[in-house]
């Protein structure tokens, strides 16, 4: 039947996306993307080594904490983090870390490493490992920090999307610009 042919073709397509049995991934809100996120992605890419690497922006969208809709956010991420454009996954069904992990298992990955900011480490460790063997079944699943955030610092280690949302609310362009990667086009900073 045509349905089986489609499913078989999709299975082959998913296998071809996979270059190894191990996947390193980042899942986050990126709302808005910041220099801190760039540091996180650079660290995660280093951790991935020769393993497959993917970035999953969440699909959350609300006026207070997630003002950028997923399409807009991902458009800016691909501009801002051009080195990772191909690794940024724009898939409407990847709403939670569980969706990401179940899909990774379906694609045949045996090992997963999730790289998160230090502020989310405990939460992700608990969630991801708790359901291994239930919602998905990996030989190993690790949650590792992609850096340490110092909320009082003014440099990249203290950068957060919360600070940038506040800068927009306060109409503080200078504070907002400090949170953008230096190579990010100034006109695009304005658009963001």
C-alpha atoms as a PDB file:
ATOM      1  CA  UNK A   1       0.000   0.000   0.000  1.00  0.00           C
ATOM      2  CA  UNK A   2       1.078   3.617  -0.597  1.00  0.00           C
ATOM      3  CA  UNK A   3       1.082   4.332   3.135  1.00  0.00           C
ATOM      4  CA  UNK A   4       3.721   1.645   3.708  1.00  0.00           C
ATOM      5  CA  UNK A   5       5.816   2.942   0.832  1.00  0.00           C
ATOM      6  CA  UNK A   6       5.700   6.449   2.300  1.00  0.00           C
ATOM      7  CA  UNK A   7       6.610   5.152   5.761  1.00  0.00           C
ATOM      8  CA  UNK A   8       9.498   3.146   4.310  1.00  0.00           C
ATOM      9  CA  UNK A   9      10.799   6.145   2.401  1.00  0.00           C
ATOM     10  CA  UNK A  10      10.541   8.305   5.497  1.00  0.00           C
ATOM     11  CA  UNK A  11      12.462   5.707   7.516  1.00  0.00           C
ATOM     12  CA  UNK A  12      15.250   5.716   4.947  1.00  0.00           C
ATOM     13  CA  UNK A  13      15.274   9.531   4.951  1.00  0.00           C
ATOM     14  CA  UNK A  14      15.584   9.609   8.756  1.00  0.00           C
ATOM     15  CA  UNK A  15      18.483   7.128   8.676  1.00  0.00           C
ATOM     16  CA  UNK A  16      20.282   9.240   6.096  1.00  0.00           C
ATOM     17  CA  UNK A  17      20.101  12.253   8.450  1.00  0.00           C
ATOM     18  CA  UNK A  18      22.044  10.281  11.035  1.00  0.00           C
ATOM     19  CA  UNK A  19      25.806  10.214  10.694  1.00  0.00           C
ATOM     20  CA  UNK A  20      26.532   8.385  13.945  1.00  0.00           C
ATOM     21  CA  UNK A  21      24.801   6.431  16.696  1.00  0.00           C
ATOM     22  CA  UNK A  22      25.244   9.349  19.093  1.00  0.00           C
ATOM     23  CA  UNK A  23      23.490  12.698  19.095  1.00  0.00           C
ATOM     24  CA  UNK A  24      24.470  15.842  20.963  1.00  0.00           C
ATOM     25  CA  UNK A  25      21.649  18.347  21.197  1.00  0.00           C
ATOM     26  CA  UNK A  26      20.643  21.695  22.602  1.00  0.00           C
ATOM     27  CA  UNK A  27      16.994  22.408  23.399  1.00  0.00           C
ATOM     28  CA  UNK A  28      16.030  25.891  24.500  1.00  0.00           C
ATOM     29  CA  UNK A  29      13.740  28.882  24.242  1.00  0.00           C
ATOM     30  CA  UNK A  30      16.229  31.288  22.592  1.00  0.00           C
ATOM     31  CA  UNK A  31      13.712  34.082  23.069  1.00  0.00           C
ATOM     32  CA  UNK A  32      15.502  36.184  22.008  1.00  0.00           C
ATOM     33  CA  UNK A  33      18.786  34.571  20.988  1.00  0.00           C
ATOM     34  CA  UNK A  34      21.815  36.132  22.727  1.00  0.00           C
ATOM     35  CA  UNK A  35      25.608  36.085  22.935  1.00  0.00           C
ATOM     36  CA  UNK A  36      25.144  33.681  25.847  1.00  0.00           C
ATOM     37  CA  UNK A  37      23.381  31.260  23.511  1.00  0.00           C
ATOM     38  CA  UNK A  38      26.282  31.547  21.043  1.00  0.00           C
ATOM     39  CA  UNK A  39      28.662  30.512  23.820  1.00  0.00           C
ATOM     40  CA  UNK A  40      26.357  27.589  24.708  1.00  0.00           C
ATOM     41  CA  UNK A  41      26.226  26.419  21.077  1.00  0.00           C
ATOM     42  CA  UNK A  42      30.001  26.670  20.669  1.00  0.00           C
ATOM     43  CA  UNK A  43      30.480  24.593  23.812  1.00  0.00           C
ATOM     44  CA  UNK A  44      27.898  22.030  22.721  1.00  0.00           C
ATOM     45  CA  UNK A  45      29.509  21.682  19.297  1.00  0.00           C
ATOM     46  CA  UNK A  46      32.846  21.040  21.012  1.00  0.00           C
ATOM     47  CA  UNK A  47      31.244  18.404  23.248  1.00  0.00           C
ATOM     48  CA  UNK A  48      29.669  16.695  20.221  1.00  0.00           C
ATOM     49  CA  UNK A  49      33.032  15.904  18.625  1.00  0.00           C
ATOM     50  CA  UNK A  50      32.347  13.619  15.652  1.00  0.00           C
ATOM     51  CA  UNK A  51      28.790  12.859  16.784  1.00  0.00           C
ATOM     52  CA  UNK A  52      25.722  14.374  15.175  1.00  0.00           C
ATOM     53  CA  UNK A  53      24.766  17.791  16.546  1.00  0.00           C
ATOM     54  CA  UNK A  54      21.355  19.495  16.503  1.00  0.00           C
ATOM     55  CA  UNK A  55      19.779  22.607  17.971  1.00  0.00           C
ATOM     56  CA  UNK A  56      16.072  22.509  18.819  1.00  0.00           C
ATOM     57  CA  UNK A  57      14.457  25.893  19.509  1.00  0.00           C
ATOM     58  CA  UNK A  58      11.290  25.438  21.545  1.00  0.00           C
ATOM     59  CA  UNK A  59       7.929  26.243  20.015  1.00  0.00           C
ATOM     60  CA  UNK A  60       6.785  28.321  23.016  1.00  0.00           C
ATOM     61  CA  UNK A  61       5.165  31.620  22.133  1.00  0.00           C
ATOM     62  CA  UNK A  62       3.551  34.069  24.559  1.00  0.00           C
ATOM     63  CA  UNK A  63       3.784  37.838  25.065  1.00  0.00           C
ATOM     64  CA  UNK A  64       5.743  37.808  28.333  1.00  0.00           C
ATOM     65  CA  UNK A  65       8.530  35.207  28.167  1.00  0.00           C
ATOM     66  CA  UNK A  66       8.426  34.126  24.530  1.00  0.00           C
ATOM     67  CA  UNK A  67       7.559  37.199  22.441  1.00  0.00           C
ATOM     68  CA  UNK A  68       9.134  35.895  19.222  1.00  0.00           C
ATOM     69  CA  UNK A  69       7.107  33.285  17.354  1.00  0.00           C
ATOM     70  CA  UNK A  70       9.118  30.182  16.378  1.00  0.00           C
ATOM     71  CA  UNK A  71       9.549  31.151  12.711  1.00  0.00           C
ATOM     72  CA  UNK A  72      10.828  34.637  13.533  1.00  0.00           C
ATOM     73  CA  UNK A  73      13.110  33.368  16.293  1.00  0.00           C
ATOM     74  CA  UNK A  74      14.605  30.682  14.054  1.00  0.00           C
ATOM     75  CA  UNK A  75      15.119  33.177  11.215  1.00  0.00           C
ATOM     76  CA  UNK A  76      17.180  35.371  13.559  1.00  0.00           C
ATOM     77  CA  UNK A  77      19.025  32.368  15.013  1.00  0.00           C
ATOM     78  CA  UNK A  78      20.122  31.262  11.542  1.00  0.00           C
ATOM     79  CA  UNK A  79      21.450  34.764  10.857  1.00  0.00           C
ATOM     80  CA  UNK A  80      23.017  35.227  14.272  1.00  0.00           C
ATOM     81  CA  UNK A  81      24.510  31.726  14.502  1.00  0.00           C
ATOM     82  CA  UNK A  82      25.347  31.210  10.808  1.00  0.00           C
ATOM     83  CA  UNK A  83      27.961  28.553  11.662  1.00  0.00           C
ATOM     84  CA  UNK A  84      25.109  26.394  12.974  1.00  0.00           C
ATOM     85  CA  UNK A  85      22.445  27.189  10.380  1.00  0.00           C
ATOM     86  CA  UNK A  86      22.219  23.562   9.203  1.00  0.00           C
ATOM     87  CA  UNK A  87      21.964  22.211  12.755  1.00  0.00           C
ATOM     88  CA  UNK A  88      19.014  24.425  13.764  1.00  0.00           C
ATOM     89  CA  UNK A  89      15.863  22.293  13.526  1.00  0.00           C
ATOM     90  CA  UNK A  90      12.639  24.064  12.573  1.00  0.00           C
ATOM     91  CA  UNK A  91      10.112  21.311  13.189  1.00  0.00           C
ATOM     92  CA  UNK A  92       6.683  22.194  14.569  1.00  0.00           C
ATOM     93  CA  UNK A  93       6.305  18.788  16.259  1.00  0.00           C
ATOM     94  CA  UNK A  94       9.402  19.301  18.446  1.00  0.00           C
ATOM     95  CA  UNK A  95       7.529  21.064  21.262  1.00  0.00           C
ATOM     96  CA  UNK A  96       9.179  19.439  24.281  1.00  0.00           C
ATOM     97  CA  UNK A  97      12.426  17.705  25.128  1.00  0.00           C
ATOM     98  CA  UNK A  98      10.391  14.476  25.161  1.00  0.00           C
ATOM     99  CA  UNK A  99       9.343  15.001  21.516  1.00  0.00           C
ATOM    100  CA  UNK A 100      12.994  15.523  20.617  1.00  0.00           C
ATOM    101  CA  UNK A 101      14.166  12.426  22.489  1.00  0.00           C
ATOM    102  CA  UNK A 102      11.420  10.156  21.157  1.00  0.00           C
ATOM    103  CA  UNK A 103      12.225  11.292  17.606  1.00  0.00           C
ATOM    104  CA  UNK A 104      15.946  10.712  18.191  1.00  0.00           C
ATOM    105  CA  UNK A 105      15.198   7.145  19.246  1.00  0.00           C
ATOM    106  CA  UNK A 106      12.964   6.613  16.198  1.00  0.00           C
ATOM    107  CA  UNK A 107      15.854   7.829  14.036  1.00  0.00           C
ATOM    108  CA  UNK A 108      18.072   5.127  15.527  1.00  0.00           C
ATOM    109  CA  UNK A 109      20.285   7.027  17.948  1.00  0.00           C
ATOM    110  CA  UNK A 110      21.648   4.895  20.795  1.00  0.00           C
ATOM    111  CA  UNK A 111      23.304   7.625  22.863  1.00  0.00           C
ATOM    112  CA  UNK A 112      22.199  11.180  23.566  1.00  0.00           C
ATOM    113  CA  UNK A 113      23.975  14.088  25.219  1.00  0.00           C
ATOM    114  CA  UNK A 114      21.867  17.130  26.072  1.00  0.00           C
ATOM    115  CA  UNK A 115      23.838  20.337  26.597  1.00  0.00           C
ATOM    116  CA  UNK A 116      22.076  22.989  28.669  1.00  0.00           C
ATOM    117  CA  UNK A 117      22.901  26.162  30.527  1.00  0.00           C
ATOM    118  CA  UNK A 118      23.922  25.592  34.130  1.00  0.00           C
ATOM    119  CA  UNK A 119      20.650  27.155  35.308  1.00  0.00           C
ATOM    120  CA  UNK A 120      18.659  24.330  33.634  1.00  0.00           C
ATOM    121  CA  UNK A 121      20.969  21.412  34.435  1.00  0.00           C
ATOM    122  CA  UNK A 122      19.039  19.880  37.349  1.00  0.00           C
ATOM    123  CA  UNK A 123      15.673  20.213  35.635  1.00  0.00           C
ATOM    124  CA  UNK A 124      16.834  18.564  32.409  1.00  0.00           C
ATOM    125  CA  UNK A 125      18.807  15.830  34.196  1.00  0.00           C
ATOM    126  CA  UNK A 126      15.721  14.872  36.141  1.00  0.00           C
ATOM    127  CA  UNK A 127      13.316  14.973  33.199  1.00  0.00           C
ATOM    128  CA  UNK A 128      15.477  13.333  30.545  1.00  0.00           C
ATOM    129  CA  UNK A 129      16.818  10.467  32.641  1.00  0.00           C
ATOM    130  CA  UNK A 130      13.552   9.803  34.490  1.00  0.00           C
ATOM    131  CA  UNK A 131      11.784   8.645  31.322  1.00  0.00           C
ATOM    132  CA  UNK A 132      14.644   6.684  29.749  1.00  0.00           C
ATOM    133  CA  UNK A 133      13.300   3.156  29.424  1.00  0.00           C
ATOM    134  CA  UNK A 134       9.714   4.434  29.356  1.00  0.00           C
ATOM    135  CA  UNK A 135       9.078   7.096  26.681  1.00  0.00           C
ATOM    136  CA  UNK A 136      12.377   6.311  24.924  1.00  0.00           C
ATOM    137  CA  UNK A 137      15.192   3.844  25.467  1.00  0.00           C
ATOM    138  CA  UNK A 138      18.802   4.932  24.968  1.00  0.00           C
ATOM    139  CA  UNK A 139      21.923   2.991  25.941  1.00  0.00           C
ATOM    140  CA  UNK A 140      23.087   6.212  27.560  1.00  0.00           C
ATOM    141  CA  UNK A 141      21.640   9.634  28.121  1.00  0.00           C
ATOM    142  CA  UNK A 142      23.708  12.435  29.608  1.00  0.00           C
ATOM    143  CA  UNK A 143      22.834  15.999  30.523  1.00  0.00           C
ATOM    144  CA  UNK A 144      25.862  18.255  30.743  1.00  0.00           C
ATOM    145  CA  UNK A 145      26.382  21.977  31.389  1.00  0.00           C
ATOM    146  CA  UNK A 146      27.296  24.149  28.439  1.00  0.00           C
ATOM    147  CA  UNK A 147      28.703  26.890  30.615  1.00  0.00           C
ATOM    148  CA  UNK A 148      28.079  28.767  33.800  1.00  0.00           C
ATOM    149  CA  UNK A 149      25.851  31.798  34.019  1.00  0.00           C
ATOM    150  CA  UNK A 150      26.658  34.612  36.413  1.00  0.00           C
ATOM    151  CA  UNK A 151      23.440  36.625  36.518  1.00  0.00           C
ATOM    152  CA  UNK A 152      25.287  39.616  38.016  1.00  0.00           C
ATOM    153  CA  UNK A 153      27.958  39.793  35.293  1.00  0.00           C
ATOM    154  CA  UNK A 154      27.758  42.309  32.464  1.00  0.00           C
ATOM    155  CA  UNK A 155      29.735  40.202  29.987  1.00  0.00           C
ATOM    156  CA  UNK A 156      28.661  37.109  28.022  1.00  0.00           C
ATOM    157  CA  UNK A 157      28.616  34.932  31.178  1.00  0.00           C
ATOM    158  CA  UNK A 158      25.826  37.106  32.551  1.00  0.00           C
ATOM    159  CA  UNK A 159      23.799  37.380  29.364  1.00  0.00           C
ATOM    160  CA  UNK A 160      20.254  36.093  29.413  1.00  0.00           C
ATOM    161  CA  UNK A 161      17.186  36.408  27.247  1.00  0.00           C
ATOM    162  CA  UNK A 162      15.379  37.789  30.319  1.00  0.00           C
ATOM    163  CA  UNK A 163      17.806  40.725  30.411  1.00  0.00           C
ATOM    164  CA  UNK A 164      17.216  41.409  26.722  1.00  0.00           C
ATOM    165  CA  UNK A 165      13.428  41.246  27.065  1.00  0.00           C
ATOM    166  CA  UNK A 166      13.730  43.745  29.931  1.00  0.00           C
ATOM    167  CA  UNK A 167      15.971  45.992  27.807  1.00  0.00           C
ATOM    168  CA  UNK A 168      13.296  46.064  25.097  1.00  0.00           C
ATOM    169  CA  UNK A 169      10.593  46.818  27.649  1.00  0.00           C
ATOM    170  CA  UNK A 170      12.755  49.628  29.095  1.00  0.00           C
ATOM    171  CA  UNK A 171      13.629  50.880  25.591  1.00  0.00           C
ATOM    172  CA  UNK A 172      17.324  50.447  26.485  1.00  0.00           C
ATOM    173  CA  UNK A 173      18.923  49.887  23.071  1.00  0.00           C
ATOM    174  CA  UNK A 174      22.501  49.844  24.442  1.00  0.00           C
ATOM    175  CA  UNK A 175      21.718  47.045  26.905  1.00  0.00           C
ATOM    176  CA  UNK A 176      19.997  45.093  24.131  1.00  0.00           C
ATOM    177  CA  UNK A 177      22.942  45.540  21.752  1.00  0.00           C
ATOM    178  CA  UNK A 178      25.365  44.245  24.433  1.00  0.00           C
ATOM    179  CA  UNK A 179      23.511  40.948  24.265  1.00  0.00           C
ATOM    180  CA  UNK A 180      24.027  40.520  20.530  1.00  0.00           C
ATOM    181  CA  UNK A 181      27.030  38.793  18.924  1.00  0.00           C
ATOM    182  CA  UNK A 182      29.436  41.430  17.573  1.00  0.00           C
ATOM    183  CA  UNK A 183      29.231  40.029  14.015  1.00  0.00           C
ATOM    184  CA  UNK A 184      25.422  40.259  13.942  1.00  0.00           C
ATOM    185  CA  UNK A 185      24.372  42.922  11.448  1.00  0.00           C
ATOM    186  CA  UNK A 186      23.303  46.179  13.152  1.00  0.00           C
ATOM    187  CA  UNK A 187      20.226  46.499  10.918  1.00  0.00           C
ATOM    188  CA  UNK A 188      19.174  43.005  12.003  1.00  0.00           C
ATOM    189  CA  UNK A 189      19.730  43.950  15.657  1.00  0.00           C
ATOM    190  CA  UNK A 190      17.257  46.758  15.054  1.00  0.00           C
ATOM    191  CA  UNK A 191      14.797  44.385  13.370  1.00  0.00           C
ATOM    192  CA  UNK A 192      15.046  41.930  16.259  1.00  0.00           C
END
